[in-house]
Amino acid sequence: MNVSAYKSPKKAELYLFTPSDHALDHLPDELFVMFGTPEHVVDFELSPGRTLARVDADTVRQALEHKGYYLQMPPNEQETLSEMPAPPEHLDNIF
């Protein structure tokens, strides 16, 4: 599968992957509000043995096949979200 990678002008290290043969106009408008106007970075072939920097190639392939895109979040946000405590069971007991 041929893939195009785009970077966000709004947030450092936020990337969008789409199949190269798909136009960006099929993506949800809400995505562009958060992402901004995509800036093309590179095209590459996503094969089963391909190694990507931050995510498993199969995860990207599955997202491309099911959603039509894959959004790679910056590493610091992923780490921050994973370190957050779970919300309380009942909001009335936080005071």
N, C-alpha and C. Protein backbone atom coordinates (compact mmCIF):
# COMPACT_ATOMS: atom_id res chain seq x y z
N MET A 1 0.85 -1.18 0.00
CA MET A 1 0.00 0.00 0.00
C MET A 1 0.89 1.24 0.00
N ASN A 2 0.63 2.16 -0.90
CA ASN A 2 1.37 3.42 -0.94
C ASN A 2 0.69 4.44 -0.03
N VAL A 3 1.49 5.09 0.80
CA VAL A 3 0.99 5.99 1.84
C VAL A 3 1.62 7.37 1.68
N SER A 4 0.82 8.39 1.95
CA SER A 4 1.32 9.77 2.01
C SER A 4 1.29 10.22 3.47
N ALA A 5 2.35 10.89 3.89
CA ALA A 5 2.43 11.41 5.26
C ALA A 5 2.41 12.94 5.20
N TYR A 6 1.63 13.53 6.11
CA TYR A 6 1.49 14.98 6.19
C TYR A 6 1.77 15.41 7.63
N LYS A 7 2.35 16.60 7.78
CA LYS A 7 2.55 17.13 9.12
C LYS A 7 1.57 18.27 9.35
N SER A 8 1.29 18.50 10.62
CA SER A 8 0.37 19.55 11.00
C SER A 8 1.12 20.86 11.17
N PRO A 9 0.59 21.96 10.64
CA PRO A 9 1.20 23.26 10.87
C PRO A 9 0.83 23.82 12.25
N LYS A 10 -0.14 23.20 12.89
CA LYS A 10 -0.62 23.69 14.18
C LYS A 10 0.08 23.08 15.38
N LYS A 11 0.55 21.85 15.24
CA LYS A 11 1.12 21.13 16.38
C LYS A 11 2.33 20.33 15.94
N ALA A 12 3.43 20.53 16.64
CA ALA A 12 4.67 19.81 16.32
C ALA A 12 4.49 18.31 16.52
N GLU A 13 5.03 17.55 15.62
CA GLU A 13 5.05 16.08 15.66
C GLU A 13 3.67 15.43 15.59
N LEU A 14 2.72 16.13 15.01
CA LEU A 14 1.40 15.57 14.74
C LEU A 14 1.36 15.26 13.26
N TYR A 15 1.13 13.98 12.92
CA TYR A 15 1.20 13.53 11.53
C TYR A 15 -0.09 12.83 11.12
N LEU A 16 -0.41 12.95 9.84
CA LEU A 16 -1.56 12.32 9.24
C LEU A 16 -1.08 11.42 8.12
N PHE A 17 -1.49 10.16 8.14
CA PHE A 17 -1.16 9.20 7.09
C PHE A 17 -2.44 8.87 6.32
N THR A 18 -2.35 8.90 4.99
CA THR A 18 -3.48 8.54 4.14
C THR A 18 -2.97 7.67 2.99
N PRO A 19 -3.85 6.86 2.40
CA PRO A 19 -3.44 6.16 1.19
C PRO A 19 -3.10 7.20 0.11
N SER A 20 -2.02 6.99 -0.61
CA SER A 20 -1.56 7.96 -1.61
C SER A 20 -2.58 8.22 -2.71
N ASP A 21 -3.40 7.22 -3.02
CA ASP A 21 -4.36 7.39 -4.11
C ASP A 21 -5.67 8.04 -3.67
N HIS A 22 -5.78 8.45 -2.39
CA HIS A 22 -6.99 9.12 -1.91
C HIS A 22 -6.74 10.61 -1.77
N ALA A 23 -7.71 11.39 -2.20
CA ALA A 23 -7.63 12.83 -2.01
C ALA A 23 -7.97 13.16 -0.55
N LEU A 24 -7.45 14.27 -0.08
CA LEU A 24 -7.70 14.66 1.30
C LEU A 24 -9.12 15.15 1.54
N ASP A 25 -9.84 15.47 0.50
CA ASP A 25 -11.18 16.02 0.68
C ASP A 25 -12.21 14.99 1.18
N HIS A 26 -11.85 13.72 1.24
CA HIS A 26 -12.77 12.71 1.77
C HIS A 26 -12.68 12.59 3.30
N LEU A 27 -11.71 13.27 3.90
CA LEU A 27 -11.52 13.20 5.36
C LEU A 27 -12.52 14.10 6.07
N PRO A 28 -12.83 13.79 7.35
CA PRO A 28 -13.79 14.59 8.10
C PRO A 28 -13.31 16.04 8.29
N ASP A 29 -14.22 16.99 8.15
CA ASP A 29 -13.88 18.40 8.33
C ASP A 29 -13.35 18.68 9.74
N GLU A 30 -13.87 17.96 10.73
CA GLU A 30 -13.43 18.15 12.12
C GLU A 30 -11.94 17.85 12.27
N LEU A 31 -11.45 16.94 11.48
CA LEU A 31 -10.03 16.60 11.54
C LEU A 31 -9.17 17.79 11.15
N PHE A 32 -9.58 18.52 10.13
CA PHE A 32 -8.80 19.67 9.67
C PHE A 32 -8.87 20.85 10.64
N VAL A 33 -9.95 20.96 11.39
CA VAL A 33 -10.05 22.02 12.39
C VAL A 33 -8.93 21.85 13.41
N MET A 34 -8.72 20.63 13.87
CA MET A 34 -7.69 20.34 14.86
C MET A 34 -6.31 20.26 14.22
N PHE A 35 -6.21 19.66 13.04
CA PHE A 35 -4.93 19.38 12.40
C PHE A 35 -4.37 20.59 11.64
N GLY A 36 -5.25 21.37 11.03
CA GLY A 36 -4.81 22.47 10.17
C GLY A 36 -4.68 21.97 8.74
N THR A 37 -4.15 22.82 7.87
CA THR A 37 -3.94 22.45 6.47
C THR A 37 -2.73 21.52 6.37
N PRO A 38 -2.92 20.27 5.94
CA PRO A 38 -1.82 19.31 5.90
C PRO A 38 -0.68 19.76 4.98
N GLU A 39 0.54 19.57 5.47
CA GLU A 39 1.75 19.85 4.69
C GLU A 39 2.39 18.51 4.33
N HIS A 40 2.46 18.21 3.02
CA HIS A 40 2.99 16.93 2.56
C HIS A 40 4.46 16.78 2.98
N VAL A 41 4.79 15.60 3.51
CA VAL A 41 6.15 15.32 3.96
C VAL A 41 6.80 14.29 3.05
N VAL A 42 6.14 13.14 2.88
CA VAL A 42 6.76 12.04 2.15
C VAL A 42 5.70 11.03 1.70
N ASP A 43 6.02 10.31 0.63
CA ASP A 43 5.24 9.15 0.20
C ASP A 43 6.12 7.93 0.39
N PHE A 44 5.52 6.82 0.83
CA PHE A 44 6.29 5.60 1.03
C PHE A 44 5.39 4.38 0.88
N GLU A 45 6.01 3.22 0.71
CA GLU A 45 5.27 1.98 0.60
C GLU A 45 5.17 1.35 1.98
N LEU A 46 3.95 1.06 2.40
CA LEU A 46 3.71 0.43 3.69
C LEU A 46 3.53 -1.06 3.46
N SER A 47 4.59 -1.80 3.74
CA SER A 47 4.57 -3.25 3.56
C SER A 47 4.56 -3.91 4.94
N PRO A 48 4.19 -5.20 5.02
CA PRO A 48 4.09 -5.88 6.32
C PRO A 48 5.38 -5.83 7.15
N GLY A 49 6.53 -5.85 6.54
CA GLY A 49 7.78 -5.83 7.28
C GLY A 49 8.32 -4.44 7.56
N ARG A 50 7.62 -3.43 7.12
CA ARG A 50 8.09 -2.03 7.24
C ARG A 50 8.15 -1.61 8.71
N THR A 51 9.23 -0.95 9.09
CA THR A 51 9.38 -0.42 10.43
C THR A 51 9.10 1.07 10.40
N LEU A 52 8.21 1.52 11.27
CA LEU A 52 7.91 2.94 11.41
C LEU A 52 8.42 3.41 12.77
N ALA A 53 8.67 4.69 12.90
CA ALA A 53 9.31 5.22 14.09
C ALA A 53 8.49 5.04 15.37
N ARG A 54 7.21 5.32 15.33
CA ARG A 54 6.43 5.34 16.58
C ARG A 54 5.26 4.39 16.66
N VAL A 55 4.99 3.70 15.58
CA VAL A 55 3.80 2.84 15.57
C VAL A 55 4.05 1.62 14.70
N ASP A 56 3.34 0.58 15.00
CA ASP A 56 3.43 -0.65 14.23
C ASP A 56 2.79 -0.45 12.86
N ALA A 57 3.44 -0.92 11.82
CA ALA A 57 2.94 -0.75 10.46
C ALA A 57 1.56 -1.38 10.28
N ASP A 58 1.28 -2.47 10.96
CA ASP A 58 -0.02 -3.12 10.84
C ASP A 58 -1.13 -2.25 11.44
N THR A 59 -0.84 -1.53 12.49
CA THR A 59 -1.81 -0.61 13.10
C THR A 59 -2.18 0.48 12.11
N VAL A 60 -1.18 1.02 11.42
CA VAL A 60 -1.43 2.07 10.42
C VAL A 60 -2.23 1.48 9.26
N ARG A 61 -1.85 0.33 8.78
CA ARG A 61 -2.55 -0.30 7.66
C ARG A 61 -4.02 -0.54 7.99
N GLN A 62 -4.30 -1.06 9.18
CA GLN A 62 -5.68 -1.32 9.58
C GLN A 62 -6.50 -0.03 9.64
N ALA A 63 -5.91 1.03 10.18
CA ALA A 63 -6.62 2.31 10.25
C ALA A 63 -6.89 2.85 8.85
N LEU A 64 -5.91 2.73 7.96
CA LEU A 64 -6.10 3.21 6.59
C LEU A 64 -7.21 2.44 5.88
N GLU A 65 -7.28 1.15 6.12
CA GLU A 65 -8.31 0.33 5.48
C GLU A 65 -9.70 0.59 6.05
N HIS A 66 -9.79 0.85 7.35
CA HIS A 66 -11.09 1.01 7.99
C HIS A 66 -11.57 2.46 8.05
N LYS A 67 -10.69 3.40 8.37
CA LYS A 67 -11.08 4.80 8.51
C LYS A 67 -10.67 5.66 7.33
N GLY A 68 -9.65 5.21 6.60
CA GLY A 68 -9.14 6.00 5.48
C GLY A 68 -8.01 6.93 5.86
N TYR A 69 -7.63 6.94 7.14
CA TYR A 69 -6.49 7.76 7.60
C TYR A 69 -5.99 7.23 8.93
N TYR A 70 -4.78 7.64 9.30
CA TYR A 70 -4.23 7.34 10.61
C TYR A 70 -3.62 8.63 11.13
N LEU A 71 -3.94 9.00 12.36
CA LEU A 71 -3.44 10.21 12.98
C LEU A 71 -2.42 9.82 14.04
N GLN A 72 -1.18 10.25 13.86
CA GLN A 72 -0.11 9.94 14.82
C GLN A 72 0.08 11.15 15.73
N MET A 73 -0.23 10.96 17.00
CA MET A 73 -0.14 12.02 17.99
C MET A 73 1.33 12.24 18.40
N PRO A 74 1.65 13.44 18.87
CA PRO A 74 3.00 13.69 19.38
C PRO A 74 3.31 12.77 20.56
N PRO A 75 4.54 12.36 20.73
CA PRO A 75 4.87 11.40 21.79
C PRO A 75 4.60 11.94 23.18
N ASN A 76 4.83 13.21 23.42
CA ASN A 76 4.62 13.73 24.77
C ASN A 76 3.15 13.70 25.17
N GLU A 77 2.23 13.86 24.25
CA GLU A 77 0.81 13.80 24.58
C GLU A 77 0.39 12.37 24.88
N GLN A 78 0.92 11.41 24.16
CA GLN A 78 0.59 10.02 24.43
C GLN A 78 1.07 9.64 25.82
N GLU A 79 2.29 10.04 26.16
CA GLU A 79 2.83 9.72 27.47
C GLU A 79 2.03 10.41 28.57
N THR A 80 1.66 11.65 28.34
CA THR A 80 0.90 12.39 29.34
C THR A 80 -0.46 11.74 29.56
N LEU A 81 -1.14 11.35 28.49
CA LEU A 81 -2.45 10.71 28.63
C LEU A 81 -2.35 9.38 29.35
N SER A 82 -1.31 8.62 29.07
CA SER A 82 -1.19 7.31 29.71
C SER A 82 -0.84 7.42 31.19
N GLU A 83 -0.28 8.55 31.61
CA GLU A 83 0.10 8.74 33.01
C GLU A 83 -1.02 9.37 33.84
N MET A 84 -2.09 9.81 33.19
CA MET A 84 -3.18 10.45 33.92
C MET A 84 -3.92 9.42 34.76
N PRO A 85 -4.31 9.81 35.99
CA PRO A 85 -5.08 8.87 36.81
C PRO A 85 -6.48 8.69 36.23
N ALA A 86 -7.07 7.59 36.55
CA ALA A 86 -8.44 7.33 36.09
C ALA A 86 -9.38 8.33 36.76
N PRO A 87 -10.48 8.70 36.09
CA PRO A 87 -11.42 9.63 36.71
C PRO A 87 -12.12 8.96 37.88
N PRO A 88 -12.61 9.75 38.85
CA PRO A 88 -13.31 9.15 39.99
C PRO A 88 -14.59 8.46 39.52
N GLU A 89 -15.01 7.45 40.29
CA GLU A 89 -16.22 6.72 39.92
C GLU A 89 -17.45 7.60 39.97
N HIS A 90 -17.52 8.46 40.97
CA HIS A 90 -18.65 9.37 41.12
C HIS A 90 -18.11 10.78 41.25
N LEU A 91 -18.59 11.68 40.44
CA LEU A 91 -18.10 13.05 40.47
C LEU A 91 -18.50 13.79 41.74
N ASP A 92 -19.47 13.31 42.49
CA ASP A 92 -19.88 13.99 43.70
C ASP A 92 -18.93 13.79 44.87
N ASN A 93 -17.93 12.92 44.72
CA ASN A 93 -17.01 12.69 45.82
C ASN A 93 -15.64 13.33 45.62
N ILE A 94 -15.53 14.29 44.70
CA ILE A 94 -14.22 14.89 44.48
C ILE A 94 -13.97 16.11 45.35
N PHE A 95 -14.99 16.59 46.09
CA PHE A 95 -14.80 17.73 46.99
C PHE A 95 -14.88 17.29 48.42
